[in-house]
Amino acid sequence: MAKPLVRGIIKTSVGLTLEVRRAAIEAGDEIQDLTREVAAQKVASSARVRRAKDNGEVTAQGAMAG
């Protein structure tokens, strides 16, 4: 009688563990996607600021700094 009960507990535990792992992997993938998007935006923004400075334009950052 104890063996089927223990087997059921282990089966449930393994199933939960797999679900938690799957959720963690998905969350990690989403964080990586967000990180890539933010990094791309930051690089694009930095390039725009550099081009503006090279062209002699006053940027909001430049106006605040000096």
Protein backbone atom coordinates (compact mmCIF):
# COMPACT_ATOMS: atom_id res chain seq x y z
CA MET A 1 0.00 0.00 0.00
CA ALA A 2 2.82 2.43 0.77
CA LYS A 3 4.57 1.76 -2.53
CA PRO A 4 1.78 3.15 -4.76
CA LEU A 5 1.49 6.19 -2.48
CA VAL A 6 5.23 6.88 -2.61
CA ARG A 7 5.23 6.29 -6.37
CA GLY A 8 2.43 8.84 -6.77
CA ILE A 9 4.26 11.39 -4.62
CA ILE A 10 7.47 10.94 -6.62
CA LYS A 11 5.60 11.12 -9.93
CA THR A 12 3.91 14.36 -8.85
CA SER A 13 7.20 15.80 -7.59
CA VAL A 14 9.00 15.00 -10.83
CA GLY A 15 6.15 16.54 -12.83
CA LEU A 16 6.24 19.71 -10.75
CA THR A 17 10.02 19.91 -11.05
CA LEU A 18 9.80 19.67 -14.83
CA GLU A 19 7.12 22.37 -14.94
CA VAL A 20 9.19 24.70 -12.74
CA ARG A 21 12.24 24.14 -14.93
CA ARG A 22 10.21 24.85 -18.06
CA ALA A 23 8.84 28.05 -16.54
CA ALA A 24 12.33 29.14 -15.47
CA ILE A 25 13.70 28.54 -18.96
CA GLU A 26 10.87 30.55 -20.52
CA ALA A 27 11.39 33.39 -18.04
CA GLY A 28 15.12 33.36 -18.79
CA ASP A 29 14.42 33.50 -22.53
CA GLU A 30 12.10 36.47 -22.03
CA ILE A 31 14.71 38.27 -19.92
CA GLN A 32 17.34 37.65 -22.60
CA ASP A 33 14.99 39.00 -25.28
CA LEU A 34 14.31 42.12 -23.23
CA THR A 35 18.02 42.58 -22.58
CA ARG A 36 18.79 42.36 -26.30
CA GLU A 37 16.05 44.89 -27.10
CA VAL A 38 17.25 47.36 -24.47
CA ALA A 39 20.87 46.96 -25.55
CA ALA A 40 19.92 47.58 -29.19
CA GLN A 41 17.94 50.69 -28.22
CA LYS A 42 20.84 51.95 -26.11
CA VAL A 43 23.32 51.45 -28.95
CA ALA A 44 21.00 53.18 -31.42
CA SER A 45 20.44 56.07 -29.03
CA SER A 46 24.16 56.41 -28.39
CA ALA A 47 24.84 56.47 -32.13
CA ARG A 48 22.21 59.19 -32.63
CA VAL A 49 23.75 61.32 -29.87
CA ARG A 50 27.22 60.86 -31.36
CA ARG A 51 25.99 61.83 -34.85
CA ALA A 52 24.23 64.89 -33.45
CA LYS A 53 27.36 66.00 -31.61
CA ASP A 54 29.46 65.45 -34.73
CA ASN A 55 26.99 67.62 -36.67
CA GLY A 56 27.16 70.36 -34.03
CA GLU A 57 23.57 69.92 -32.93
CA VAL A 58 22.55 70.63 -29.35
CA THR A 59 21.01 67.58 -27.76
CA ALA A 60 18.91 67.39 -24.62
CA GLN A 61 21.81 65.66 -22.88
CA GLY A 62 24.28 68.24 -24.12
CA ALA A 63 22.04 71.14 -23.08
CA MET A 64 21.72 69.70 -19.57
CA ALA A 65 25.46 69.07 -19.26
CA GLY A 66 26.64 72.45 -20.25
